[in-house]
Structures are given as structure tokens and as C-alpha cells.
Amino acid sequence: MTNIQEKTETPIDDKIREEVENARTVCDISGSNSAECAAAWDAVEELQAEASHQRQNKPKNSLEQYCDDNPEAAECRVYDD
């Protein structure tokens, strides 16, 4: 694992890895066309969707917060090309 991955890892990423391993095991045991296999991969997909949702809702940085509070400030001006 690289340093970048270590810094961006979240508890949900660990859970996704665990669920992927579980899904592979379930599918090996019950067969890739079984309901159990499908349910295991559905659990993985749900966790991946939640991880994506969490990344999209990350907190604003200090400049973004400042510009929300002070939209007229020079640092917050947006120019059209």
C-alpha cells in the first residue's frame, strides 16, 4: 500500500475490502449464480455507494467557508472568460 492510499483510507474502505473477500468466499461455496452470491455482491455495492456519497459530502475547506460568509471579498471573485 502506498502512502497516498494510507492517508485517504477510511473505515468504510476497510469494510468494503472485507465484504469483497466475503462475497468471493460465498460465491466460491454457493456458486456464482446463487442468491447468496448475489446478496453478498449487493452488500459490496451498497458500501461502495455509501463511500462515494461520503466523499461527495466532504466538509468545506477554510477558503470555501470564508467565501460562503464573504462572497464580496476579492479572494472569492469569479470571472467569466
PDB file of N, CA and C in Angstrom:
ATOM      1  N   MET A   1       0.843  -1.165   0.000  1.00  0.00           N
ATOM      2  CA  MET A   1       0.000   0.000   0.000  1.00  0.00           C
ATOM      3  C   MET A   1       0.899   1.242   0.000  1.00  0.00           C
ATOM      4  N   THR A   2       0.555   2.235  -0.816  1.00  0.00           N
ATOM      5  CA  THR A   2       1.360   3.446  -0.880  1.00  0.00           C
ATOM      6  C   THR A   2       0.937   4.425   0.198  1.00  0.00           C
ATOM      7  N   ASN A   3       1.768   5.432   0.415  1.00  0.00           N
ATOM      8  CA  ASN A   3       1.466   6.446   1.417  1.00  0.00           C
ATOM      9  C   ASN A   3       0.192   7.195   1.091  1.00  0.00           C
ATOM     10  N   ILE A   4      -0.071   7.476  -0.172  1.00  0.00           N
ATOM     11  CA  ILE A   4      -1.280   8.193  -0.555  1.00  0.00           C
ATOM     12  C   ILE A   4      -2.507   7.381  -0.173  1.00  0.00           C
ATOM     13  N   GLN A   5      -2.490   6.091  -0.430  1.00  0.00           N
ATOM     14  CA  GLN A   5      -3.624   5.261  -0.078  1.00  0.00           C
ATOM     15  C   GLN A   5      -3.831   5.237   1.427  1.00  0.00           C
ATOM     16  N   GLU A   6      -2.753   5.185   2.185  1.00  0.00           N
ATOM     17  CA  GLU A   6      -2.877   5.132   3.632  1.00  0.00           C
ATOM     18  C   GLU A   6      -3.527   6.389   4.165  1.00  0.00           C
ATOM     19  N   LYS A   7      -3.219   7.540   3.595  1.00  0.00           N
ATOM     20  CA  LYS A   7      -3.777   8.802   4.065  1.00  0.00           C
ATOM     21  C   LYS A   7      -5.245   8.951   3.706  1.00  0.00           C
ATOM     22  N   THR A   8      -5.677   8.352   2.609  1.00  0.00           N
ATOM     23  CA  THR A   8      -7.054   8.513   2.174  1.00  0.00           C
ATOM     24  C   THR A   8      -7.947   7.350   2.589  1.00  0.00           C
ATOM     25  N   GLU A   9      -7.400   6.338   3.225  1.00  0.00           N
ATOM     26  CA  GLU A   9      -8.187   5.188   3.664  1.00  0.00           C
ATOM     27  C   GLU A   9      -9.180   5.620   4.743  1.00  0.00           C
ATOM     28  N   THR A  10     -10.360   5.083   4.669  1.00  0.00           N
ATOM     29  CA  THR A  10     -11.377   5.337   5.681  1.00  0.00           C
ATOM     30  C   THR A  10     -11.868   3.997   6.212  1.00  0.00           C
ATOM     31  N   PRO A  11     -12.549   4.024   7.351  1.00  0.00           N
ATOM     32  CA  PRO A  11     -13.078   2.764   7.885  1.00  0.00           C
ATOM     33  C   PRO A  11     -14.004   2.052   6.893  1.00  0.00           C
ATOM     34  N   ILE A  12     -14.726   2.804   6.094  1.00  0.00           N
ATOM     35  CA  ILE A  12     -15.631   2.163   5.128  1.00  0.00           C
ATOM     36  C   ILE A  12     -14.833   1.440   4.046  1.00  0.00           C
ATOM     37  N   ASP A  13     -13.638   1.932   3.711  1.00  0.00           N
ATOM     38  CA  ASP A  13     -12.796   1.242   2.729  1.00  0.00           C
ATOM     39  C   ASP A  13     -12.374  -0.129   3.256  1.00  0.00           C
ATOM     40  N   ASP A  14     -12.063  -0.187   4.540  1.00  0.00           N
ATOM     41  CA  ASP A  14     -11.722  -1.471   5.158  1.00  0.00           C
ATOM     42  C   ASP A  14     -12.915  -2.427   5.102  1.00  0.00           C
ATOM     43  N   LYS A  15     -14.093  -1.893   5.386  1.00  0.00           N
ATOM     44  CA  LYS A  15     -15.308  -2.710   5.371  1.00  0.00           C
ATOM     45  C   LYS A  15     -15.597  -3.206   3.955  1.00  0.00           C
ATOM     46  N   ILE A  16     -15.364  -2.364   2.956  1.00  0.00           N
ATOM     47  CA  ILE A  16     -15.572  -2.781   1.564  1.00  0.00           C
ATOM     48  C   ILE A  16     -14.654  -3.947   1.226  1.00  0.00           C
ATOM     49  N   ARG A  17     -13.379  -3.831   1.616  1.00  0.00           N
ATOM     50  CA  ARG A  17     -12.428  -4.928   1.361  1.00  0.00           C
ATOM     51  C   ARG A  17     -12.891  -6.223   2.015  1.00  0.00           C
ATOM     52  N   GLU A  18     -13.368  -6.127   3.261  1.00  0.00           N
ATOM     53  CA  GLU A  18     -13.863  -7.316   3.963  1.00  0.00           C
ATOM     54  C   GLU A  18     -15.058  -7.928   3.236  1.00  0.00           C
ATOM     55  N   GLU A  19     -15.977  -7.077   2.791  1.00  0.00           N
ATOM     56  CA  GLU A  19     -17.169  -7.572   2.108  1.00  0.00           C
ATOM     57  C   GLU A  19     -16.839  -8.176   0.743  1.00  0.00           C
ATOM     58  N   VAL A  20     -15.838  -7.639   0.055  1.00  0.00           N
ATOM     59  CA  VAL A  20     -15.411  -8.219  -1.221  1.00  0.00           C
ATOM     60  C   VAL A  20     -14.868  -9.627  -0.985  1.00  0.00           C
ATOM     61  N   GLU A  21     -14.019  -9.770   0.034  1.00  0.00           N
ATOM     62  CA  GLU A  21     -13.484 -11.093   0.364  1.00  0.00           C
ATOM     63  C   GLU A  21     -14.613 -12.051   0.732  1.00  0.00           C
ATOM     64  N   ASN A  22     -15.575 -11.558   1.514  1.00  0.00           N
ATOM     65  CA  ASN A  22     -16.714 -12.376   1.908  1.00  0.00           C
ATOM     66  C   ASN A  22     -17.525 -12.788   0.682  1.00  0.00           C
ATOM     67  N   ALA A  23     -17.760 -11.859  -0.228  1.00  0.00           N
ATOM     68  CA  ALA A  23     -18.542 -12.166  -1.433  1.00  0.00           C
ATOM     69  C   ALA A  23     -17.842 -13.223  -2.274  1.00  0.00           C
ATOM     70  N   ARG A  24     -16.540 -13.103  -2.402  1.00  0.00           N
ATOM     71  CA  ARG A  24     -15.790 -14.103  -3.174  1.00  0.00           C
ATOM     72  C   ARG A  24     -15.900 -15.486  -2.531  1.00  0.00           C
ATOM     73  N   THR A  25     -15.798 -15.525  -1.215  1.00  0.00           N
ATOM     74  CA  THR A  25     -15.906 -16.797  -0.494  1.00  0.00           C
ATOM     75  C   THR A  25     -17.297 -17.393  -0.656  1.00  0.00           C
ATOM     76  N   VAL A  26     -18.318 -16.555  -0.459  1.00  0.00           N
ATOM     77  CA  VAL A  26     -19.700 -17.026  -0.592  1.00  0.00           C
ATOM     78  C   VAL A  26     -19.952 -17.558  -1.989  1.00  0.00           C
ATOM     79  N   CYS A  27     -19.458 -16.851  -2.996  1.00  0.00           N
ATOM     80  CA  CYS A  27     -19.685 -17.276  -4.377  1.00  0.00           C
ATOM     81  C   CYS A  27     -18.925 -18.554  -4.713  1.00  0.00           C
ATOM     82  N   ASP A  28     -17.741 -18.717  -4.121  1.00  0.00           N
ATOM     83  CA  ASP A  28     -16.991 -19.957  -4.334  1.00  0.00           C
ATOM     84  C   ASP A  28     -17.730 -21.154  -3.732  1.00  0.00           C
ATOM     85  N   ILE A  29     -18.341 -20.932  -2.583  1.00  0.00           N
ATOM     86  CA  ILE A  29     -19.030 -22.018  -1.879  1.00  0.00           C
ATOM     87  C   ILE A  29     -20.401 -22.302  -2.487  1.00  0.00           C
ATOM     88  N   SER A  30     -21.172 -21.246  -2.712  1.00  0.00           N
ATOM     89  CA  SER A  30     -22.566 -21.448  -3.132  1.00  0.00           C
ATOM     90  C   SER A  30     -22.768 -21.387  -4.644  1.00  0.00           C
ATOM     91  N   GLY A  31     -21.765 -20.962  -5.363  1.00  0.00           N
ATOM     92  CA  GLY A  31     -21.889 -20.850  -6.817  1.00  0.00           C
ATOM     93  C   GLY A  31     -22.164 -19.415  -7.230  1.00  0.00           C
ATOM     94  N   SER A  32     -21.640 -19.043  -8.380  1.00  0.00           N
ATOM     95  CA  SER A  32     -21.736 -17.647  -8.807  1.00  0.00           C
ATOM     96  C   SER A  32     -23.138 -17.224  -9.226  1.00  0.00           C
ATOM     97  N   ASN A  33     -24.038 -18.167  -9.418  1.00  0.00           N
ATOM     98  CA  ASN A  33     -25.409 -17.826  -9.804  1.00  0.00           C
ATOM     99  C   ASN A  33     -26.390 -17.959  -8.647  1.00  0.00           C
ATOM    100  N   SER A  34     -25.897 -18.150  -7.442  1.00  0.00           N
ATOM    101  CA  SER A  34     -26.792 -18.359  -6.307  1.00  0.00           C
ATOM    102  C   SER A  34     -27.297 -17.021  -5.750  1.00  0.00           C
ATOM    103  N   ALA A  35     -28.401 -17.110  -5.033  1.00  0.00           N
ATOM    104  CA  ALA A  35     -28.979 -15.922  -4.389  1.00  0.00           C
ATOM    105  C   ALA A  35     -28.030 -15.377  -3.314  1.00  0.00           C
ATOM    106  N   GLU A  36     -27.328 -16.296  -2.633  1.00  0.00           N
ATOM    107  CA  GLU A  36     -26.388 -15.863  -1.600  1.00  0.00           C
ATOM    108  C   GLU A  36     -25.251 -15.052  -2.201  1.00  0.00           C
ATOM    109  N   CYS A  37     -24.768 -15.472  -3.341  1.00  0.00           N
ATOM    110  CA  CYS A  37     -23.687 -14.763  -4.035  1.00  0.00           C
ATOM    111  C   CYS A  37     -24.162 -13.372  -4.448  1.00  0.00           C
ATOM    112  N   ALA A  38     -25.349 -13.304  -5.025  1.00  0.00           N
ATOM    113  CA  ALA A  38     -25.904 -12.018  -5.452  1.00  0.00           C
ATOM    114  C   ALA A  38     -26.082 -11.084  -4.262  1.00  0.00           C
ATOM    115  N   ALA A  39     -26.565 -11.604  -3.151  1.00  0.00           N
ATOM    116  CA  ALA A  39     -26.764 -10.789  -1.952  1.00  0.00           C
ATOM    117  C   ALA A  39     -25.438 -10.271  -1.411  1.00  0.00           C
ATOM    118  N   ALA A  40     -24.410 -11.107  -1.455  1.00  0.00           N
ATOM    119  CA  ALA A  40     -23.098 -10.691  -0.969  1.00  0.00           C
ATOM    120  C   ALA A  40     -22.547  -9.548  -1.817  1.00  0.00           C
ATOM    121  N   TRP A  41     -22.695  -9.646  -3.139  1.00  0.00           N
ATOM    122  CA  TRP A  41     -22.207  -8.564  -4.007  1.00  0.00           C
ATOM    123  C   TRP A  41     -23.079  -7.317  -3.891  1.00  0.00           C
ATOM    124  N   ASP A  42     -24.367  -7.482  -3.598  1.00  0.00           N
ATOM    125  CA  ASP A  42     -25.225  -6.320  -3.342  1.00  0.00           C
ATOM    126  C   ASP A  42     -24.726  -5.552  -2.125  1.00  0.00           C
ATOM    127  N   ALA A  43     -24.292  -6.271  -1.104  1.00  0.00           N
ATOM    128  CA  ALA A  43     -23.748  -5.621   0.093  1.00  0.00           C
ATOM    129  C   ALA A  43     -22.502  -4.814  -0.255  1.00  0.00           C
ATOM    130  N   VAL A  44     -21.663  -5.349  -1.126  1.00  0.00           N
ATOM    131  CA  VAL A  44     -20.462  -4.630  -1.564  1.00  0.00           C
ATOM    132  C   VAL A  44     -20.867  -3.354  -2.299  1.00  0.00           C
ATOM    133  N   GLU A  45     -21.827  -3.460  -3.207  1.00  0.00           N
ATOM    134  CA  GLU A  45     -22.271  -2.300  -3.976  1.00  0.00           C
ATOM    135  C   GLU A  45     -22.857  -1.212  -3.082  1.00  0.00           C
ATOM    136  N   GLU A  46     -23.607  -1.613  -2.067  1.00  0.00           N
ATOM    137  CA  GLU A  46     -24.178  -0.635  -1.137  1.00  0.00           C
ATOM    138  C   GLU A  46     -23.084   0.107  -0.383  1.00  0.00           C
ATOM    139  N   LEU A  47     -22.078  -0.612   0.061  1.00  0.00           N
ATOM    140  CA  LEU A  47     -20.965   0.039   0.761  1.00  0.00           C
ATOM    141  C   LEU A  47     -20.197   0.976  -0.169  1.00  0.00           C
ATOM    142  N   GLN A  48     -19.999   0.562  -1.406  1.00  0.00           N
ATOM    143  CA  GLN A  48     -19.303   1.419  -2.359  1.00  0.00           C
ATOM    144  C   GLN A  48     -20.098   2.695  -2.631  1.00  0.00           C
ATOM    145  N   ALA A  49     -21.413   2.574  -2.724  1.00  0.00           N
ATOM    146  CA  ALA A  49     -22.258   3.746  -2.926  1.00  0.00           C
ATOM    147  C   ALA A  49     -22.180   4.685  -1.730  1.00  0.00           C
ATOM    148  N   GLU A  50     -22.176   4.131  -0.542  1.00  0.00           N
ATOM    149  CA  GLU A  50     -22.063   4.958   0.669  1.00  0.00           C
ATOM    150  C   GLU A  50     -20.713   5.663   0.724  1.00  0.00           C
ATOM    151  N   ALA A  51     -19.650   4.964   0.352  1.00  0.00           N
ATOM    152  CA  ALA A  51     -18.316   5.579   0.334  1.00  0.00           C
ATOM    153  C   ALA A  51     -18.288   6.743  -0.652  1.00  0.00           C
ATOM    154  N   SER A  52     -18.886   6.554  -1.803  1.00  0.00           N
ATOM    155  CA  SER A  52     -18.949   7.618  -2.805  1.00  0.00           C
ATOM    156  C   SER A  52     -19.739   8.800  -2.270  1.00  0.00           C
ATOM    157  N   HIS A  53     -20.840   8.529  -1.616  1.00  0.00           N
ATOM    158  CA  HIS A  53     -21.669   9.581  -1.025  1.00  0.00           C
ATOM    159  C   HIS A  53     -20.887  10.366   0.025  1.00  0.00           C
ATOM    160  N   GLN A  54     -20.130   9.679   0.854  1.00  0.00           N
ATOM    161  CA  GLN A  54     -19.338  10.346   1.887  1.00  0.00           C
ATOM    162  C   GLN A  54     -18.261  11.234   1.278  1.00  0.00           C
ATOM    163  N   ARG A  55     -17.649  10.786   0.181  1.00  0.00           N
ATOM    164  CA  ARG A  55     -16.619  11.598  -0.468  1.00  0.00           C
ATOM    165  C   ARG A  55     -17.226  12.865  -1.065  1.00  0.00           C
ATOM    166  N   GLN A  56     -18.429  12.778  -1.589  1.00  0.00           N
ATOM    167  CA  GLN A  56     -19.082  13.940  -2.189  1.00  0.00           C
ATOM    168  C   GLN A  56     -19.497  14.964  -1.143  1.00  0.00           C
ATOM    169  N   ASN A  57     -19.769  14.523   0.052  1.00  0.00           N
ATOM    170  CA  ASN A  57     -20.229  15.411   1.116  1.00  0.00           C
ATOM    171  C   ASN A  57     -19.115  15.810   2.069  1.00  0.00           C
ATOM    172  N   LYS A  58     -17.899  15.894   1.549  1.00  0.00           N
ATOM    173  CA  LYS A  58     -16.775  16.259   2.405  1.00  0.00           C
ATOM    174  C   LYS A  58     -16.936  17.694   2.899  1.00  0.00           C
ATOM    175  N   PRO A  59     -16.411  17.998   4.069  1.00  0.00           N
ATOM    176  CA  PRO A  59     -16.537  19.349   4.616  1.00  0.00           C
ATOM    177  C   PRO A  59     -15.790  20.374   3.753  1.00  0.00           C
ATOM    178  N   LYS A  60     -16.262  21.599   3.806  1.00  0.00           N
ATOM    179  CA  LYS A  60     -15.625  22.669   3.044  1.00  0.00           C
ATOM    180  C   LYS A  60     -14.308  23.056   3.688  1.00  0.00           C
ATOM    181  N   ASN A  61     -13.360  23.474   2.830  1.00  0.00           N
ATOM    182  CA  ASN A  61     -12.097  23.970   3.369  1.00  0.00           C
ATOM    183  C   ASN A  61     -12.291  25.402   3.844  1.00  0.00           C
ATOM    184  N   SER A  62     -11.283  25.986   4.450  1.00  0.00           N
ATOM    185  CA  SER A  62     -11.414  27.312   5.057  1.00  0.00           C
ATOM    186  C   SER A  62     -11.718  28.398   4.030  1.00  0.00           C
ATOM    187  N   LEU A  63     -11.148  28.316   2.825  1.00  0.00           N
ATOM    188  CA  LEU A  63     -11.443  29.322   1.799  1.00  0.00           C
ATOM    189  C   LEU A  63     -12.895  29.213   1.344  1.00  0.00           C
ATOM    190  N   GLU A  64     -13.378  28.005   1.138  1.00  0.00           N
ATOM    191  CA  GLU A  64     -14.767  27.839   0.728  1.00  0.00           C
ATOM    192  C   GLU A  64     -15.721  28.385   1.789  1.00  0.00           C
ATOM    193  N   GLN A  65     -15.427  28.119   3.041  1.00  0.00           N
ATOM    194  CA  GLN A  65     -16.260  28.630   4.127  1.00  0.00           C
ATOM    195  C   GLN A  65     -16.200  30.155   4.175  1.00  0.00           C
ATOM    196  N   TYR A  66     -14.991  30.718   4.017  1.00  0.00           N
ATOM    197  CA  TYR A  66     -14.813  32.168   4.017  1.00  0.00           C
ATOM    198  C   TYR A  66     -15.634  32.796   2.891  1.00  0.00           C
ATOM    199  N   CYS A  67     -15.571  32.214   1.703  1.00  0.00           N
ATOM    200  CA  CYS A  67     -16.307  32.761   0.561  1.00  0.00           C
ATOM    201  C   CYS A  67     -17.817  32.625   0.733  1.00  0.00           C
ATOM    202  N   ASP A  68     -18.267  31.591   1.402  1.00  0.00           N
ATOM    203  CA  ASP A  68     -19.691  31.483   1.706  1.00  0.00           C
ATOM    204  C   ASP A  68     -20.126  32.622   2.615  1.00  0.00           C
ATOM    205  N   ASP A  69     -19.260  32.975   3.574  1.00  0.00           N
ATOM    206  CA  ASP A  69     -19.569  34.036   4.526  1.00  0.00           C
ATOM    207  C   ASP A  69     -19.311  35.426   3.959  1.00  0.00           C
ATOM    208  N   ASN A  70     -18.388  35.536   2.986  1.00  0.00           N
ATOM    209  CA  ASN A  70     -17.971  36.836   2.433  1.00  0.00           C
ATOM    210  C   ASN A  70     -17.895  36.782   0.912  1.00  0.00           C
ATOM    211  N   PRO A  71     -19.013  36.623   0.232  1.00  0.00           N
ATOM    212  CA  PRO A  71     -18.960  36.452  -1.226  1.00  0.00           C
ATOM    213  C   PRO A  71     -18.423  37.664  -1.975  1.00  0.00           C
ATOM    214  N   GLU A  72     -18.438  38.843  -1.348  1.00  0.00           N
ATOM    215  CA  GLU A  72     -17.947  40.056  -1.999  1.00  0.00           C
ATOM    216  C   GLU A  72     -16.435  40.229  -1.880  1.00  0.00           C
ATOM    217  N   ALA A  73     -15.769  39.393  -1.116  1.00  0.00           N
ATOM    218  CA  ALA A  73     -14.319  39.508  -0.912  1.00  0.00           C
ATOM    219  C   ALA A  73     -13.564  39.261  -2.213  1.00  0.00           C
ATOM    220  N   ALA A  74     -12.437  39.950  -2.362  1.00  0.00           N
ATOM    221  CA  ALA A  74     -11.626  39.831  -3.581  1.00  0.00           C
ATOM    222  C   ALA A  74     -11.191  38.387  -3.827  1.00  0.00           C
ATOM    223  N   GLU A  75     -10.898  37.651  -2.763  1.00  0.00           N
ATOM    224  CA  GLU A  75     -10.439  36.270  -2.891  1.00  0.00           C
ATOM    225  C   GLU A  75     -11.519  35.347  -3.447  1.00  0.00           C
ATOM    226  N   CYS A  76     -12.766  35.818  -3.406  1.00  0.00           N
ATOM    227  CA  CYS A  76     -13.887  34.962  -3.767  1.00  0.00           C
ATOM    228  C   CYS A  76     -14.490  35.315  -5.123  1.00  0.00           C
ATOM    229  N   ARG A  77     -13.926  36.286  -5.786  1.00  0.00           N
ATOM    230  CA  ARG A  77     -14.464  36.698  -7.079  1.00  0.00           C
ATOM    231  C   ARG A  77     -14.275  35.609  -8.108  1.00  0.00           C
ATOM    232  N   VAL A  78     -15.271  35.469  -8.962  1.00  0.00           N
ATOM    233  CA  VAL A  78     -15.219  34.507 -10.058  1.00  0.00           C
ATOM    234  C   VAL A  78     -15.398  35.301 -11.341  1.00  0.00           C
ATOM    235  N   TYR A  79     -14.478  35.120 -12.257  1.00  0.00           N
ATOM    236  CA  TYR A  79     -14.507  35.859 -13.511  1.00  0.00           C
ATOM    237  C   TYR A  79     -14.917  34.954 -14.649  1.00  0.00           C
ATOM    238  N   ASP A  80     -15.798  35.461 -15.504  1.00  0.00           N
ATOM    239  CA  ASP A  80     -16.192  34.728 -16.707  1.00  0.00           C
ATOM    240  C   ASP A  80     -15.148  34.961 -17.782  1.00  0.00           C
ATOM    241  N   ASP A  81     -14.849  33.935 -18.554  1.00  0.00           N
ATOM    242  CA  ASP A  81     -13.878  34.086 -19.651  1.00  0.00           C
ATOM    243  C   ASP A  81     -14.458  34.790 -20.828  1.00  0.00           C
TER     244      ASP A  81
END
